[in-house]
Amino acid sequence: MDMSTTHVLPDIDAYRAELVRLVMRRATEPGAFETAIAPLHFFRCDSPSDLIHTLYQPALCLIVQGRKEARLWDERYVYDPLNYLVVSVTLPVAGQVIEASPDAPYLGIRLDIDPAEIAQLIADTGPVGLSGESSRGLFVERIDATLLDTMLRLVRLLDTPRDIAMLAPLALRELHYRMLRGRHGRRLYEIAVADTQTHRVTRAIEWLNRHYAKPLRIEELARLSNLSSSTLHHRFKAVTAMSPLQYQKQLRLQEARRLLINEGLDVAGAGYRVGYESPSQFSREYSRQFGCAPSKDVERLRQSA
C-alpha cells in the first residue's frame, strides 16, 4: 500500500468538504458572486449549462463540486474537484457545466492572476526550480493537498473580515508560489518576465483584444511584438491554439453576439461594429461558430433565458 496516498487523500477530502460548506454559505443561488477579497470569486450552477462563449482572463479555476468542460478552439479540457484549470493569458474560451444538480450544485472558485504579482514573486525568489515547458496558455493540473489547503485558508478569511487586509496577501502570494513551483510553472514565468517570446506574444494578444475590429496586418503585429512574422505565428499558435487571425475572429464573433443580445443591434449593424464589411460573411462565420444563423441564435438564447 502507498502510505503517502493514505495520508494525502483524507486531507484533500476534508479540505474539499469544508470548501463546499464555505462556498455554499455565500453562493446561495445560481450565479456569480464577488467576495471581500477582490481576486476571489464564487460560482454556483444547479443544473448542466449551455455552452457559454467568453473571454477568460488569467486565473486559477478550482471546482469544489461538479464538473466543467472548457473548449479552446478545437481542444477540450474537462476538470473536476480532483483537477484545477489555470489560464495564463487572455483567451476566448467556451465553457460548459456538465455535472450539477439542485442537491449537488456545481460550485466553483476563480482566483484572478495578476502577472505583475508573479513577476514580483520571481524577482524575490528567483527562477530556481521552475519546471515544465512554455506552451499552451491554458492547462489542467492535478490538485494537491498543499494548494487546496492554501486556498481553504484564503476562503476562511471571509469569516474574519478584520484579518483580510493582513493575511489575504500572504495567502495569495503562497498560491502564486505554489502554481509557479508546480509542474507547469514555466508557463506563468514566461508571461510575467519581460523579453521572453511568450511575454512578447501577450503584447500581440493585448493589442488584438483592444483593436479586434481593425484590419489585421501580421507584419505590424509582429513589429509591435518584437518578433518576426513567422516566429509570432508559431509562438502565438503554441500559446493560444489559434493563429492571430483565428483569435481575432473569435473576439469579433463573441462581441457581435453580445451586441445582438444585450444591445439589440440588428445583424448587419453588429457585424459592421466588430469589423465585418460583408453581412453575408459575418452570418456564415457566426453560424459556423455558434451553430445557427445570428437571428435564430438570438431568438433561441432569449427563449432559453
C-alpha atoms as a PDB file:
ATOM      1  CA  MET A   1       0.000   0.000   0.000  1.00  0.00           C
ATOM      2  CA  ASP A   2       1.189   3.527  -0.829  1.00  0.00           C
ATOM      3  CA  MET A   3       1.326   5.199   2.593  1.00  0.00           C
ATOM      4  CA  SER A   4       1.679   8.695   1.081  1.00  0.00           C
ATOM      5  CA  THR A   5      -1.668   8.252  -0.674  1.00  0.00           C
ATOM      6  CA  THR A   6      -3.231   7.058   2.585  1.00  0.00           C
ATOM      7  CA  HIS A   7      -2.199  10.304   4.290  1.00  0.00           C
ATOM      8  CA  VAL A   8      -2.862  12.813   1.496  1.00  0.00           C
ATOM      9  CA  LEU A   9      -6.291  11.787   0.248  1.00  0.00           C
ATOM     10  CA  PRO A  10      -8.176  12.171   3.555  1.00  0.00           C
ATOM     11  CA  ASP A  11      -6.709  15.695   3.845  1.00  0.00           C
ATOM     12  CA  ILE A  12      -7.934  16.579   0.357  1.00  0.00           C
ATOM     13  CA  ASP A  13     -11.396  15.180   1.091  1.00  0.00           C
ATOM     14  CA  ALA A  14     -11.624  17.151   4.345  1.00  0.00           C
ATOM     15  CA  TYR A  15     -10.434  20.371   2.690  1.00  0.00           C
ATOM     16  CA  ARG A  16     -12.910  19.951  -0.148  1.00  0.00           C
ATOM     17  CA  ALA A  17     -15.822  19.243   2.204  1.00  0.00           C
ATOM     18  CA  GLU A  18     -15.090  22.425   4.133  1.00  0.00           C
ATOM     19  CA  LEU A  19     -14.774  24.437   0.917  1.00  0.00           C
ATOM     20  CA  VAL A  20     -18.173  23.137  -0.211  1.00  0.00           C
ATOM     21  CA  ARG A  21     -19.715  24.427   3.036  1.00  0.00           C
ATOM     22  CA  LEU A  22     -17.969  27.793   2.822  1.00  0.00           C
ATOM     23  CA  VAL A  23     -18.847  28.413  -0.822  1.00  0.00           C
ATOM     24  CA  MET A  24     -22.463  27.233  -0.379  1.00  0.00           C
ATOM     25  CA  ARG A  25     -22.856  29.680   2.509  1.00  0.00           C
ATOM     26  CA  ARG A  26     -22.210  32.592   0.144  1.00  0.00           C
ATOM     27  CA  ALA A  27     -23.408  31.179  -3.177  1.00  0.00           C
ATOM     28  CA  THR A  28     -26.969  30.560  -2.043  1.00  0.00           C
ATOM     29  CA  GLU A  29     -28.465  30.539  -5.546  1.00  0.00           C
ATOM     30  CA  PRO A  30     -27.193  30.073  -9.113  1.00  0.00           C
ATOM     31  CA  GLY A  31     -24.915  32.848 -10.292  1.00  0.00           C
ATOM     32  CA  ALA A  32     -21.546  34.527  -9.868  1.00  0.00           C
ATOM     33  CA  PHE A  33     -20.507  36.102  -6.568  1.00  0.00           C
ATOM     34  CA  GLU A  34     -17.781  38.590  -5.725  1.00  0.00           C
ATOM     35  CA  THR A  35     -16.139  38.390  -2.318  1.00  0.00           C
ATOM     36  CA  ALA A  36     -14.441  40.783   0.095  1.00  0.00           C
ATOM     37  CA  ILE A  37     -11.118  39.502  -1.294  1.00  0.00           C
ATOM     38  CA  ALA A  38     -11.014  41.227  -4.691  1.00  0.00           C
ATOM     39  CA  PRO A  39      -9.383  38.493  -6.860  1.00  0.00           C
ATOM     40  CA  LEU A  40     -11.612  35.758  -5.371  1.00  0.00           C
ATOM     41  CA  HIS A  41     -14.967  34.835  -6.967  1.00  0.00           C
ATOM     42  CA  PHE A  42     -17.509  32.060  -6.376  1.00  0.00           C
ATOM     43  CA  PHE A  43     -19.847  30.387  -8.877  1.00  0.00           C
ATOM     44  CA  ARG A  44     -22.871  28.166  -8.494  1.00  0.00           C
ATOM     45  CA  CYS A  45     -24.967  26.289 -11.050  1.00  0.00           C
ATOM     46  CA  ASP A  46     -27.826  23.919 -10.143  1.00  0.00           C
ATOM     47  CA  SER A  47     -28.027  22.099 -13.487  1.00  0.00           C
ATOM     48  CA  PRO A  48     -25.820  21.450 -16.534  1.00  0.00           C
ATOM     49  CA  SER A  49     -25.440  24.627 -18.568  1.00  0.00           C
ATOM     50  CA  ASP A  50     -25.387  25.562 -22.226  1.00  0.00           C
ATOM     51  CA  LEU A  51     -22.034  26.222 -23.845  1.00  0.00           C
ATOM     52  CA  ILE A  52     -21.076  29.797 -22.929  1.00  0.00           C
ATOM     53  CA  HIS A  53     -18.505  31.651 -25.044  1.00  0.00           C
ATOM     54  CA  THR A  54     -16.497  34.219 -23.139  1.00  0.00           C
ATOM     55  CA  LEU A  55     -13.062  35.761 -22.747  1.00  0.00           C
ATOM     56  CA  TYR A  56     -11.070  34.087 -19.988  1.00  0.00           C
ATOM     57  CA  GLN A  57      -8.601  36.349 -18.179  1.00  0.00           C
ATOM     58  CA  PRO A  58      -5.556  34.900 -16.362  1.00  0.00           C
ATOM     59  CA  ALA A  59      -6.946  32.923 -13.434  1.00  0.00           C
ATOM     60  CA  LEU A  60      -6.847  29.787 -11.329  1.00  0.00           C
ATOM     61  CA  CYS A  61     -10.192  27.963 -11.634  1.00  0.00           C
ATOM     62  CA  LEU A  62     -10.936  25.377  -8.975  1.00  0.00           C
ATOM     63  CA  ILE A  63     -14.057  23.211  -8.726  1.00  0.00           C
ATOM     64  CA  VAL A  64     -15.147  22.031  -5.290  1.00  0.00           C
ATOM     65  CA  GLN A  65     -18.238  20.191  -6.535  1.00  0.00           C
ATOM     66  CA  GLY A  66     -19.428  19.151 -10.007  1.00  0.00           C
ATOM     67  CA  ARG A  67     -17.621  19.041 -13.368  1.00  0.00           C
ATOM     68  CA  LYS A  68     -16.977  21.519 -16.167  1.00  0.00           C
ATOM     69  CA  GLU A  69     -15.590  21.480 -19.682  1.00  0.00           C
ATOM     70  CA  ALA A  70     -13.589  24.272 -21.303  1.00  0.00           C
ATOM     71  CA  ARG A  71     -13.082  24.404 -25.070  1.00  0.00           C
ATOM     72  CA  LEU A  72     -10.158  26.280 -26.569  1.00  0.00           C
ATOM     73  CA  TRP A  73     -10.502  26.265 -30.372  1.00  0.00           C
ATOM     74  CA  ASP A  74     -10.586  22.508 -31.130  1.00  0.00           C
ATOM     75  CA  GLU A  75      -9.215  21.362 -27.750  1.00  0.00           C
ATOM     76  CA  ARG A  76     -11.303  20.215 -24.779  1.00  0.00           C
ATOM     77  CA  TYR A  77     -10.333  20.328 -21.108  1.00  0.00           C
ATOM     78  CA  VAL A  78     -12.519  18.618 -18.504  1.00  0.00           C
ATOM     79  CA  TYR A  79     -11.855  19.384 -14.860  1.00  0.00           C
ATOM     80  CA  ASP A  80     -13.470  18.492 -11.544  1.00  0.00           C
ATOM     81  CA  PRO A  81     -12.666  18.574  -7.815  1.00  0.00           C
ATOM     82  CA  LEU A  82      -9.548  16.475  -8.449  1.00  0.00           C
ATOM     83  CA  ASN A  83      -8.151  18.838 -11.078  1.00  0.00           C
ATOM     84  CA  TYR A  84      -7.841  22.608 -11.408  1.00  0.00           C
ATOM     85  CA  LEU A  85      -7.538  24.775 -14.506  1.00  0.00           C
ATOM     86  CA  VAL A  86      -5.129  27.664 -14.991  1.00  0.00           C
ATOM     87  CA  VAL A  87      -5.441  30.306 -17.697  1.00  0.00           C
ATOM     88  CA  SER A  88      -2.162  32.199 -18.050  1.00  0.00           C
ATOM     89  CA  VAL A  89      -3.083  34.555 -20.933  1.00  0.00           C
ATOM     90  CA  THR A  90      -6.335  36.123 -22.122  1.00  0.00           C
ATOM     91  CA  LEU A  91      -8.143  33.544 -24.279  1.00  0.00           C
ATOM     92  CA  PRO A  92     -11.548  33.221 -25.967  1.00  0.00           C
ATOM     93  CA  VAL A  93     -12.912  30.029 -24.408  1.00  0.00           C
ATOM     94  CA  ALA A  94     -16.248  28.232 -24.418  1.00  0.00           C
ATOM     95  CA  GLY A  95     -17.217  26.795 -21.029  1.00  0.00           C
ATOM     96  CA  GLN A  96     -19.972  24.402 -20.028  1.00  0.00           C
ATOM     97  CA  VAL A  97     -21.003  22.935 -16.667  1.00  0.00           C
ATOM     98  CA  ILE A  98     -21.530  19.231 -17.352  1.00  0.00           C
ATOM     99  CA  GLU A  99     -22.332  17.908 -13.862  1.00  0.00           C
ATOM    100  CA  ALA A 100     -24.661  19.739 -11.463  1.00  0.00           C
ATOM    101  CA  SER A 101     -27.997  19.247  -9.709  1.00  0.00           C
ATOM    102  CA  PRO A 102     -30.102  21.078  -7.081  1.00  0.00           C
ATOM    103  CA  ASP A 103     -28.958  18.549  -4.460  1.00  0.00           C
ATOM    104  CA  ALA A 104     -25.304  18.717  -5.528  1.00  0.00           C
ATOM    105  CA  PRO A 105     -24.810  22.032  -7.350  1.00  0.00           C
ATOM    106  CA  TYR A 106     -21.729  22.909  -9.326  1.00  0.00           C
ATOM    107  CA  LEU A 107     -19.549  25.077  -7.080  1.00  0.00           C
ATOM    108  CA  GLY A 108     -16.511  26.823  -8.490  1.00  0.00           C
ATOM    109  CA  ILE A 109     -13.821  29.214  -7.309  1.00  0.00           C
ATOM    110  CA  ARG A 110     -11.960  31.604  -9.585  1.00  0.00           C
ATOM    111  CA  LEU A 111      -8.849  33.376  -8.406  1.00  0.00           C
ATOM    112  CA  ASP A 112      -7.694  36.114 -10.779  1.00  0.00           C
ATOM    113  CA  ILE A 113      -3.961  36.070 -11.523  1.00  0.00           C
ATOM    114  CA  ASP A 114      -2.001  39.312 -11.822  1.00  0.00           C
ATOM    115  CA  PRO A 115       1.147  38.749 -13.939  1.00  0.00           C
ATOM    116  CA  ALA A 116       2.763  41.680 -12.120  1.00  0.00           C
ATOM    117  CA  GLU A 117       2.470  39.757  -8.845  1.00  0.00           C
ATOM    118  CA  ILE A 118       4.030  36.707 -10.474  1.00  0.00           C
ATOM    119  CA  ALA A 119       6.879  38.909 -11.747  1.00  0.00           C
ATOM    120  CA  GLN A 120       7.433  40.344  -8.253  1.00  0.00           C
ATOM    121  CA  LEU A 121       7.451  36.853  -6.772  1.00  0.00           C
ATOM    122  CA  ILE A 122      10.061  35.744  -9.316  1.00  0.00           C
ATOM    123  CA  ALA A 123      12.163  38.805  -8.522  1.00  0.00           C
ATOM    124  CA  ASP A 124      12.012  37.970  -4.805  1.00  0.00           C
ATOM    125  CA  THR A 125      12.574  34.206  -5.019  1.00  0.00           C
ATOM    126  CA  GLY A 126      14.389  33.731  -8.330  1.00  0.00           C
ATOM    127  CA  PRO A 127      13.543  31.256 -11.095  1.00  0.00           C
ATOM    128  CA  VAL A 128      15.405  28.359  -9.461  1.00  0.00           C
ATOM    129  CA  GLY A 129      13.421  25.124  -9.594  1.00  0.00           C
ATOM    130  CA  LEU A 130      10.976  26.145 -12.299  1.00  0.00           C
ATOM    131  CA  SER A 131       9.733  23.086 -14.142  1.00  0.00           C
ATOM    132  CA  GLY A 132       7.753  22.416 -17.277  1.00  0.00           C
ATOM    133  CA  GLU A 133       7.888  23.974 -20.723  1.00  0.00           C
ATOM    134  CA  SER A 134       6.363  27.144 -22.086  1.00  0.00           C
ATOM    135  CA  SER A 135       3.387  26.119 -24.181  1.00  0.00           C
ATOM    136  CA  ARG A 136      -0.402  26.485 -24.166  1.00  0.00           C
ATOM    137  CA  GLY A 137      -1.821  29.383 -22.167  1.00  0.00           C
ATOM    138  CA  LEU A 138      -4.388  27.064 -20.566  1.00  0.00           C
ATOM    139  CA  PHE A 139      -3.755  23.818 -18.729  1.00  0.00           C
ATOM    140  CA  VAL A 140      -5.372  21.381 -16.300  1.00  0.00           C
ATOM    141  CA  GLU A 141      -3.349  20.103 -13.361  1.00  0.00           C
ATOM    142  CA  ARG A 142      -3.987  17.532 -10.641  1.00  0.00           C
ATOM    143  CA  ILE A 143      -4.923  19.110  -7.323  1.00  0.00           C
ATOM    144  CA  ASP A 144      -2.697  18.502  -4.312  1.00  0.00           C
ATOM    145  CA  ALA A 145      -3.307  18.911  -0.606  1.00  0.00           C
ATOM    146  CA  THR A 146      -0.860  21.807  -0.222  1.00  0.00           C
ATOM    147  CA  LEU A 147      -2.519  24.042  -2.821  1.00  0.00           C
ATOM    148  CA  LEU A 148      -6.003  23.107  -1.595  1.00  0.00           C
ATOM    149  CA  ASP A 149      -5.026  23.894   1.993  1.00  0.00           C
ATOM    150  CA  THR A 150      -3.746  27.335   0.917  1.00  0.00           C
ATOM    151  CA  MET A 151      -6.980  28.060  -0.954  1.00  0.00           C
ATOM    152  CA  LEU A 152      -9.005  26.959   2.071  1.00  0.00           C
ATOM    153  CA  ARG A 153      -7.087  29.324   4.347  1.00  0.00           C
ATOM    154  CA  LEU A 154      -7.793  32.170   1.919  1.00  0.00           C
ATOM    155  CA  VAL A 155     -11.536  31.392   1.792  1.00  0.00           C
ATOM    156  CA  ARG A 156     -11.735  31.047   5.588  1.00  0.00           C
ATOM    157  CA  LEU A 157     -10.631  34.682   5.902  1.00  0.00           C
ATOM    158  CA  LEU A 158     -14.056  35.737   4.595  1.00  0.00           C
ATOM    159  CA  ASP A 159     -15.402  34.745   8.031  1.00  0.00           C
ATOM    160  CA  THR A 160     -12.961  37.094   9.792  1.00  0.00           C
ATOM    161  CA  PRO A 161     -13.052  40.329   7.744  1.00  0.00           C
ATOM    162  CA  ARG A 162     -10.671  42.163  10.059  1.00  0.00           C
ATOM    163  CA  ASP A 163      -7.921  39.684   9.133  1.00  0.00           C
ATOM    164  CA  ILE A 164      -8.274  40.066   5.356  1.00  0.00           C
ATOM    165  CA  ALA A 165      -6.061  43.119   4.889  1.00  0.00           C
ATOM    166  CA  MET A 166      -3.143  41.491   6.725  1.00  0.00           C
ATOM    167  CA  LEU A 167      -3.459  37.793   5.886  1.00  0.00           C
ATOM    168  CA  ALA A 168      -5.070  37.630   2.416  1.00  0.00           C
ATOM    169  CA  PRO A 169      -1.952  38.997   0.637  1.00  0.00           C
ATOM    170  CA  LEU A 170       0.107  36.263   2.319  1.00  0.00           C
ATOM    171  CA  ALA A 171      -2.262  33.505   1.204  1.00  0.00           C
ATOM    172  CA  LEU A 172      -2.458  34.952  -2.319  1.00  0.00           C
ATOM    173  CA  ARG A 173       1.321  35.109  -2.529  1.00  0.00           C
ATOM    174  CA  GLU A 174       1.559  31.493  -1.383  1.00  0.00           C
ATOM    175  CA  LEU A 175      -0.990  30.386  -4.012  1.00  0.00           C
ATOM    176  CA  HIS A 176       1.002  32.134  -6.732  1.00  0.00           C
ATOM    177  CA  TYR A 177       4.147  30.485  -5.385  1.00  0.00           C
ATOM    178  CA  ARG A 178       2.564  27.013  -5.418  1.00  0.00           C
ATOM    179  CA  MET A 179       1.451  27.457  -9.043  1.00  0.00           C
ATOM    180  CA  LEU A 180       4.831  28.847 -10.057  1.00  0.00           C
ATOM    181  CA  ARG A 181       6.622  25.901  -8.486  1.00  0.00           C
ATOM    182  CA  GLY A 182       4.166  23.399  -9.969  1.00  0.00           C
ATOM    183  CA  ARG A 183       4.649  21.168 -12.993  1.00  0.00           C
ATOM    184  CA  HIS A 184       3.545  23.935 -15.386  1.00  0.00           C
ATOM    185  CA  GLY A 185       5.201  26.800 -13.542  1.00  0.00           C
ATOM    186  CA  ARG A 186       7.282  27.887 -16.514  1.00  0.00           C
ATOM    187  CA  ARG A 187       4.107  28.918 -18.341  1.00  0.00           C
ATOM    188  CA  LEU A 188       3.428  31.519 -15.654  1.00  0.00           C
ATOM    189  CA  TYR A 189       7.082  32.523 -15.607  1.00  0.00           C
ATOM    190  CA  GLU A 190       7.024  33.136 -19.362  1.00  0.00           C
ATOM    191  CA  ILE A 191       4.064  35.554 -19.230  1.00  0.00           C
ATOM    192  CA  ALA A 192       5.458  37.514 -16.299  1.00  0.00           C
ATOM    193  CA  VAL A 193       9.069  38.053 -17.316  1.00  0.00           C
ATOM    194  CA  ALA A 194       9.791  40.641 -19.998  1.00  0.00           C
ATOM    195  CA  ASP A 195      11.547  39.680 -23.218  1.00  0.00           C
ATOM    196  CA  THR A 196      10.557  36.018 -23.255  1.00  0.00           C
ATOM    197  CA  GLN A 197       8.854  35.037 -26.501  1.00  0.00           C
ATOM    198  CA  THR A 198       5.629  34.205 -24.663  1.00  0.00           C
ATOM    199  CA  HIS A 199       5.626  37.622 -22.994  1.00  0.00           C
ATOM    200  CA  ARG A 200       6.003  39.185 -26.428  1.00  0.00           C
ATOM    201  CA  VAL A 201       3.060  37.120 -27.670  1.00  0.00           C
ATOM    202  CA  THR A 202       0.971  38.573 -24.832  1.00  0.00           C
ATOM    203  CA  ARG A 203       1.624  42.019 -26.322  1.00  0.00           C
ATOM    204  CA  ALA A 204       0.028  40.805 -29.551  1.00  0.00           C
ATOM    205  CA  ILE A 205      -2.890  39.303 -27.584  1.00  0.00           C
ATOM    206  CA  GLU A 206      -3.435  42.565 -25.706  1.00  0.00           C
ATOM    207  CA  TRP A 207      -3.368  44.549 -28.950  1.00  0.00           C
ATOM    208  CA  LEU A 208      -5.937  42.235 -30.562  1.00  0.00           C
ATOM    209  CA  ASN A 209      -8.189  42.467 -27.502  1.00  0.00           C
ATOM    210  CA  ARG A 210      -8.227  46.252 -27.823  1.00  0.00           C
ATOM    211  CA  HIS A 211      -8.342  46.523 -31.631  1.00  0.00           C
ATOM    212  CA  TYR A 212     -10.175  43.383 -32.816  1.00  0.00           C
ATOM    213  CA  ALA A 213     -12.407  45.433 -35.156  1.00  0.00           C
ATOM    214  CA  LYS A 214      -9.450  46.799 -37.093  1.00  0.00           C
ATOM    215  CA  PRO A 215      -7.936  45.051 -40.133  1.00  0.00           C
ATOM    216  CA  LEU A 216      -5.183  42.652 -39.045  1.00  0.00           C
ATOM    217  CA  ARG A 217      -1.742  43.048 -40.593  1.00  0.00           C
ATOM    218  CA  ILE A 218       0.611  40.350 -39.333  1.00  0.00           C
ATOM    219  CA  GLU A 219       3.732  42.329 -40.163  1.00  0.00           C
ATOM    220  CA  GLU A 220       2.608  45.243 -37.987  1.00  0.00           C
ATOM    221  CA  LEU A 221       1.575  42.908 -35.174  1.00  0.00           C
ATOM    222  CA  ALA A 222       4.958  41.175 -35.363  1.00  0.00           C
ATOM    223  CA  ARG A 223       6.759  44.520 -35.239  1.00  0.00           C
ATOM    224  CA  LEU A 224       4.721  45.529 -32.179  1.00  0.00           C
ATOM    225  CA  SER A 225       5.655  42.228 -30.509  1.00  0.00           C
ATOM    226  CA  ASN A 226       9.323  42.490 -31.462  1.00  0.00           C
ATOM    227  CA  LEU A 227       9.143  39.112 -33.230  1.00  0.00           C
ATOM    228  CA  SER A 228       9.496  38.034 -36.824  1.00  0.00           C
ATOM    229  CA  SER A 229       6.217  37.258 -38.602  1.00  0.00           C
ATOM    230  CA  SER A 230       6.988  33.531 -38.734  1.00  0.00           C
ATOM    231  CA  THR A 231       8.030  33.393 -35.059  1.00  0.00           C
ATOM    232  CA  LEU A 232       4.928  35.323 -33.992  1.00  0.00           C
ATOM    233  CA  HIS A 233       2.662  32.951 -35.918  1.00  0.00           C
ATOM    234  CA  HIS A 234       4.394  29.877 -34.451  1.00  0.00           C
ATOM    235  CA  ARG A 235       4.504  31.107 -30.856  1.00  0.00           C
ATOM    236  CA  PHE A 236       1.013  32.636 -30.977  1.00  0.00           C
ATOM    237  CA  LYS A 237      -0.456  29.286 -32.035  1.00  0.00           C
ATOM    238  CA  ALA A 238       1.584  27.442 -29.400  1.00  0.00           C
ATOM    239  CA  VAL A 239       0.141  29.671 -26.672  1.00  0.00           C
ATOM    240  CA  THR A 240      -3.470  30.113 -27.857  1.00  0.00           C
ATOM    241  CA  ALA A 241      -4.086  27.061 -30.133  1.00  0.00           C
ATOM    242  CA  MET A 242      -5.073  29.597 -32.826  1.00  0.00           C
ATOM    243  CA  SER A 243      -3.451  31.806 -35.409  1.00  0.00           C
ATOM    244  CA  PRO A 244      -3.730  35.572 -34.798  1.00  0.00           C
ATOM    245  CA  LEU A 245      -6.458  35.733 -37.471  1.00  0.00           C
ATOM    246  CA  GLN A 246      -8.455  32.920 -35.846  1.00  0.00           C
ATOM    247  CA  TYR A 247      -8.059  34.589 -32.448  1.00  0.00           C
ATOM    248  CA  GLN A 248      -9.328  37.879 -33.847  1.00  0.00           C
ATOM    249  CA  LYS A 249     -12.306  36.120 -35.403  1.00  0.00           C
ATOM    250  CA  GLN A 250     -13.235  34.583 -32.035  1.00  0.00           C
ATOM    251  CA  LEU A 251     -13.131  38.017 -30.392  1.00  0.00           C
ATOM    252  CA  ARG A 252     -15.237  39.567 -33.141  1.00  0.00           C
ATOM    253  CA  LEU A 253     -17.921  36.900 -33.032  1.00  0.00           C
ATOM    254  CA  GLN A 254     -18.167  36.869 -29.231  1.00  0.00           C
ATOM    255  CA  GLU A 255     -18.558  40.648 -29.158  1.00  0.00           C
ATOM    256  CA  ALA A 256     -21.097  40.566 -32.013  1.00  0.00           C
ATOM    257  CA  ARG A 257     -23.168  38.039 -30.092  1.00  0.00           C
ATOM    258  CA  ARG A 258     -23.113  40.300 -27.044  1.00  0.00           C
ATOM    259  CA  LEU A 259     -24.207  43.272 -29.147  1.00  0.00           C
ATOM    260  CA  LEU A 260     -27.083  41.290 -30.656  1.00  0.00           C
ATOM    261  CA  ILE A 261     -28.345  40.015 -27.315  1.00  0.00           C
ATOM    262  CA  ASN A 262     -27.597  42.817 -24.863  1.00  0.00           C
ATOM    263  CA  GLU A 263     -27.810  45.927 -27.035  1.00  0.00           C
ATOM    264  CA  GLY A 264     -30.411  44.809 -29.558  1.00  0.00           C
ATOM    265  CA  LEU A 265     -28.379  45.622 -32.676  1.00  0.00           C
ATOM    266  CA  ASP A 266     -29.525  44.129 -35.958  1.00  0.00           C
ATOM    267  CA  VAL A 267     -27.368  41.517 -37.675  1.00  0.00           C
ATOM    268  CA  ALA A 268     -25.754  43.882 -40.193  1.00  0.00           C
ATOM    269  CA  GLY A 269     -25.096  46.508 -37.514  1.00  0.00           C
ATOM    270  CA  ALA A 270     -23.455  44.044 -35.127  1.00  0.00           C
ATOM    271  CA  GLY A 271     -21.268  42.629 -37.882  1.00  0.00           C
ATOM    272  CA  TYR A 272     -20.181  46.087 -39.017  1.00  0.00           C
ATOM    273  CA  ARG A 273     -19.437  47.180 -35.426  1.00  0.00           C
ATOM    274  CA  VAL A 274     -16.949  44.323 -34.918  1.00  0.00           C
ATOM    275  CA  GLY A 275     -15.186  44.787 -38.246  1.00  0.00           C
ATOM    276  CA  TYR A 276     -17.127  42.831 -40.883  1.00  0.00           C
ATOM    277  CA  GLU A 277     -17.791  44.708 -44.096  1.00  0.00           C
ATOM    278  CA  SER A 278     -19.809  41.858 -45.632  1.00  0.00           C
ATOM    279  CA  PRO A 279     -23.056  40.879 -43.822  1.00  0.00           C
ATOM    280  CA  SER A 280     -23.100  37.542 -45.642  1.00  0.00           C
ATOM    281  CA  GLN A 281     -19.564  36.693 -44.500  1.00  0.00           C
ATOM    282  CA  PHE A 282     -20.471  37.685 -40.943  1.00  0.00           C
ATOM    283  CA  SER A 283     -23.562  35.442 -40.984  1.00  0.00           C
ATOM    284  CA  ARG A 284     -21.588  32.493 -42.376  1.00  0.00           C
ATOM    285  CA  GLU A 285     -18.836  32.745 -39.790  1.00  0.00           C
ATOM    286  CA  TYR A 286     -21.322  33.361 -36.975  1.00  0.00           C
ATOM    287  CA  SER A 287     -23.272  30.240 -37.990  1.00  0.00           C
ATOM    288  CA  ARG A 288     -20.114  28.128 -38.011  1.00  0.00           C
ATOM    289  CA  GLN A 289     -19.143  29.406 -34.573  1.00  0.00           C
ATOM    290  CA  PHE A 290     -22.485  29.193 -32.757  1.00  0.00           C
ATOM    291  CA  GLY A 291     -24.336  26.541 -34.744  1.00  0.00           C
ATOM    292  CA  CYS A 292     -27.080  28.659 -36.327  1.00  0.00           C
ATOM    293  CA  ALA A 293     -27.706  31.994 -38.031  1.00  0.00           C
ATOM    294  CA  PRO A 294     -27.442  35.139 -35.867  1.00  0.00           C
ATOM    295  CA  SER A 295     -31.178  35.886 -35.758  1.00  0.00           C
ATOM    296  CA  LYS A 296     -32.074  32.296 -34.836  1.00  0.00           C
ATOM    297  CA  ASP A 297     -29.314  32.151 -32.237  1.00  0.00           C
ATOM    298  CA  VAL A 298     -30.536  35.313 -30.532  1.00  0.00           C
ATOM    299  CA  GLU A 299     -34.123  34.038 -30.526  1.00  0.00           C
ATOM    300  CA  ARG A 300     -33.033  30.701 -29.062  1.00  0.00           C
ATOM    301  CA  LEU A 301     -30.981  32.358 -26.317  1.00  0.00           C
ATOM    302  CA  ARG A 302     -33.795  34.722 -25.350  1.00  0.00           C
ATOM    303  CA  GLN A 303     -36.267  31.857 -25.148  1.00  0.00           C
ATOM    304  CA  SER A 304     -33.812  29.878 -23.063  1.00  0.00           C
ATOM    305  CA  ALA A 305     -33.278  32.824 -20.735  1.00  0.00           C
END
